[in-house]
Amino acid sequence: MNIKNFDPKKKVFIIAEIGNNHEGNFHIAKRLINLAAKAGVDAVKFQTFKTEEFVRVEDFKKFNQLKKFELSNDQFEKLKKLSHK
């Protein structure tokens, strides 16, 4: 279903919040999309960020932990294509 064709009188549009539950693992992100599709959702939502914009590099522990949760733009493009299937 395309959001442009969404008619609120016909059906509720359900968005699955994936957020950062993939913990930086691309394969888990793909699996979460597939599970959301099986559950019948209409869309999925991820959270994206660049660690450098939130944490100083000098705060090594926090910086390295958050950095592990990042996915690349290329990976998000692939996830987008999978989501559209």
Protein backbone atom coordinates (compact mmCIF):
# COMPACT_ATOMS: atom_id res chain seq x y z
CA MET A 1 0.00 0.00 0.00
CA ASN A 2 1.31 3.43 -0.92
CA ILE A 3 0.83 6.17 1.69
CA LYS A 4 -0.34 8.53 -1.09
CA ASN A 5 -3.33 6.25 -1.63
CA PHE A 6 -4.07 5.86 2.06
CA ASP A 7 -7.72 6.36 2.96
CA PRO A 8 -8.21 6.64 6.72
CA LYS A 9 -11.80 5.50 6.32
CA LYS A 10 -10.69 2.13 4.99
CA LYS A 11 -7.76 0.98 7.12
CA VAL A 12 -5.38 2.02 9.86
CA PHE A 13 -1.82 2.53 8.57
CA ILE A 14 0.52 0.54 10.84
CA ILE A 15 4.20 1.48 11.20
CA ALA A 16 6.61 -0.91 12.93
CA GLU A 17 9.22 0.97 14.98
CA ILE A 18 12.50 -0.87 14.44
CA GLY A 19 14.58 2.02 15.76
CA ASN A 20 18.04 0.74 16.66
CA ASN A 21 16.94 -2.75 17.65
CA HIS A 22 19.29 -4.11 14.96
CA GLU A 23 22.20 -2.92 17.16
CA GLY A 24 24.25 -2.18 14.04
CA ASN A 25 23.80 -5.66 12.56
CA PHE A 26 22.57 -5.42 8.95
CA HIS A 27 21.31 -9.02 8.90
CA ILE A 28 19.22 -8.44 12.01
CA ALA A 29 17.79 -5.28 10.42
CA LYS A 30 16.75 -7.30 7.36
CA ARG A 31 15.20 -9.97 9.58
CA LEU A 32 13.23 -7.36 11.52
CA ILE A 33 11.81 -6.01 8.24
CA ASN A 34 10.77 -9.50 7.17
CA LEU A 35 9.16 -10.20 10.54
CA ALA A 36 7.29 -6.89 10.39
CA ALA A 37 6.04 -7.75 6.90
CA LYS A 38 4.83 -11.15 8.13
CA ALA A 39 2.98 -9.37 10.93
CA GLY A 40 1.15 -7.33 8.29
CA VAL A 41 2.51 -3.84 8.95
CA ASP A 42 2.37 -1.21 6.22
CA ALA A 43 5.75 0.39 6.88
CA VAL A 44 8.86 0.17 9.05
CA LYS A 45 10.76 2.99 10.75
CA PHE A 46 14.44 3.11 11.65
CA GLN A 47 16.43 5.67 13.61
CA THR A 48 19.56 7.03 11.96
CA PHE A 49 22.32 9.10 13.49
CA LYS A 50 26.00 9.90 13.27
CA THR A 51 27.77 9.30 16.56
CA GLU A 52 30.11 12.24 15.90
CA GLU A 53 27.14 14.61 16.14
CA PHE A 54 26.14 13.43 19.63
CA VAL A 55 29.23 12.28 21.48
CA ARG A 56 32.74 13.66 21.62
CA VAL A 57 35.42 11.31 20.32
CA GLU A 58 37.26 11.86 23.61
CA ASP A 59 34.46 10.01 25.41
CA PHE A 60 35.85 6.72 24.06
CA LYS A 61 33.54 4.31 25.84
CA LYS A 62 30.27 6.02 24.92
CA PHE A 63 31.53 6.91 21.41
CA ASN A 64 32.56 3.33 20.60
CA GLN A 65 29.31 1.89 21.98
CA LEU A 66 27.12 4.19 19.88
CA LYS A 67 29.31 3.78 16.81
CA LYS A 68 28.52 0.03 16.85
CA PHE A 69 24.81 0.84 16.35
CA GLU A 70 25.30 2.77 13.11
CA LEU A 71 24.38 1.41 9.70
CA SER A 72 25.82 2.92 6.53
CA ASN A 73 23.83 4.87 3.95
CA ASP A 74 24.38 1.99 1.52
CA GLN A 75 22.90 -0.45 4.01
CA PHE A 76 19.88 1.81 4.55
CA GLU A 77 19.37 1.97 0.77
CA LYS A 78 19.31 -1.84 0.67
CA LEU A 79 16.89 -1.94 3.61
CA LYS A 80 14.67 0.55 1.83
CA LYS A 81 14.54 -1.66 -1.27
CA LEU A 82 13.74 -4.71 0.86
CA SER A 83 10.99 -2.76 2.65
CA HIS A 84 9.35 -1.81 -0.63
CA LYS A 85 9.08 -5.49 -1.60
